[in-house]
Amino acid sequence: MPIRNKIKAIAGSKGDDTNYKFWKRTGLPQSTAYRIYRDATVYPSEAVMSLICKVYGVQPGDCLEYINENLDESKS
């Protein structure tokens, strides 16, 4: 997938360097928090993204990044 979430990096930069700390700070359901934190290919829903932005003081664009797959293939 060419779009990845950067939530693990954002949480880590704020001191939440484990999925447990991310879960506790956000108050999301545990399965949702762990899935989003561990899997960069998971896209948060609008409600979850809004909560993450509020808790960490970021914008939605800070949480996602586009990866050009064509560039990745040319590096091989």
Protein backbone atom coordinates (compact mmCIF):
# COMPACT_ATOMS: atom_id res chain seq x y z
CA MET A 1 0.00 0.00 0.00
CA PRO A 2 1.40 3.39 -0.87
CA ILE A 3 -0.09 5.18 2.15
CA ARG A 4 1.10 4.37 5.65
CA ASN A 5 0.19 5.73 9.05
CA LYS A 6 2.95 7.31 11.13
CA ILE A 7 1.11 7.00 14.41
CA LYS A 8 3.76 4.84 16.08
CA ALA A 9 6.40 7.49 15.34
CA ILE A 10 4.15 10.32 16.54
CA ALA A 11 3.31 8.51 19.76
CA GLY A 12 6.98 7.63 20.31
CA SER A 13 8.03 11.26 19.86
CA LYS A 14 5.65 12.16 22.69
CA GLY A 15 7.00 9.48 25.03
CA ASP A 16 4.49 6.75 24.23
CA ASP A 17 6.99 4.22 22.95
CA THR A 18 4.82 1.14 23.45
CA ASN A 19 1.38 0.19 22.21
CA TYR A 20 0.28 -0.03 25.85
CA LYS A 21 1.21 3.61 26.52
CA PHE A 22 -0.50 4.67 23.28
CA TRP A 23 -3.64 2.81 24.31
CA LYS A 24 -3.66 4.31 27.80
CA ARG A 25 -3.11 7.88 26.62
CA THR A 26 -5.71 7.79 23.86
CA GLY A 27 -8.36 5.77 25.65
CA LEU A 28 -9.20 3.95 22.42
CA PRO A 29 -10.50 0.40 22.59
CA GLN A 30 -7.46 -1.80 23.19
CA SER A 31 -7.77 -3.79 19.97
CA THR A 32 -8.09 -0.59 17.91
CA ALA A 33 -5.14 1.10 19.59
CA TYR A 34 -2.87 -1.93 19.26
CA ARG A 35 -3.82 -2.54 15.62
CA ILE A 36 -3.21 1.09 14.58
CA TYR A 37 0.03 1.32 16.54
CA ARG A 38 1.50 -1.97 15.29
CA ASP A 39 0.35 -1.97 11.66
CA ALA A 40 1.32 1.03 9.52
CA THR A 41 -1.04 -0.13 6.75
CA VAL A 42 -4.13 0.42 8.93
CA TYR A 43 -6.00 3.66 8.31
CA PRO A 44 -7.74 5.16 11.34
CA SER A 45 -11.39 6.11 11.04
CA GLU A 46 -12.32 9.79 11.14
CA ALA A 47 -13.28 9.57 14.82
CA VAL A 48 -10.06 7.78 15.77
CA MET A 49 -7.95 10.21 13.74
CA SER A 50 -9.67 13.15 15.43
CA LEU A 51 -8.92 11.72 18.86
CA ILE A 52 -5.26 11.04 18.00
CA CYS A 53 -4.87 14.59 16.66
CA LYS A 54 -6.41 16.03 19.82
CA VAL A 55 -4.33 13.91 22.21
CA TYR A 56 -0.99 14.44 20.44
CA GLY A 57 -1.56 17.97 19.13
CA VAL A 58 -1.02 17.05 15.47
CA GLN A 59 -2.87 17.47 12.18
CA PRO A 60 -4.32 14.55 10.20
CA GLY A 61 -1.68 15.07 7.51
CA ASP A 62 1.01 14.46 10.13
CA CYS A 63 -0.36 10.96 10.72
CA LEU A 64 -0.21 9.66 7.15
CA GLU A 65 2.49 9.51 4.49
CA TYR A 66 2.50 8.60 0.83
CA ILE A 67 5.17 6.19 -0.32
CA ASN A 68 5.86 6.17 -4.04
CA GLU A 69 6.07 2.47 -4.86
CA ASN A 70 7.80 3.17 -8.17
CA LEU A 71 10.71 4.77 -6.35
CA ASP A 72 10.94 1.84 -3.96
CA GLU A 73 11.13 -0.63 -6.87
CA SER A 74 13.90 1.31 -8.60
CA LYS A 75 16.09 1.03 -5.50
CA SER A 76 16.07 -2.78 -5.69
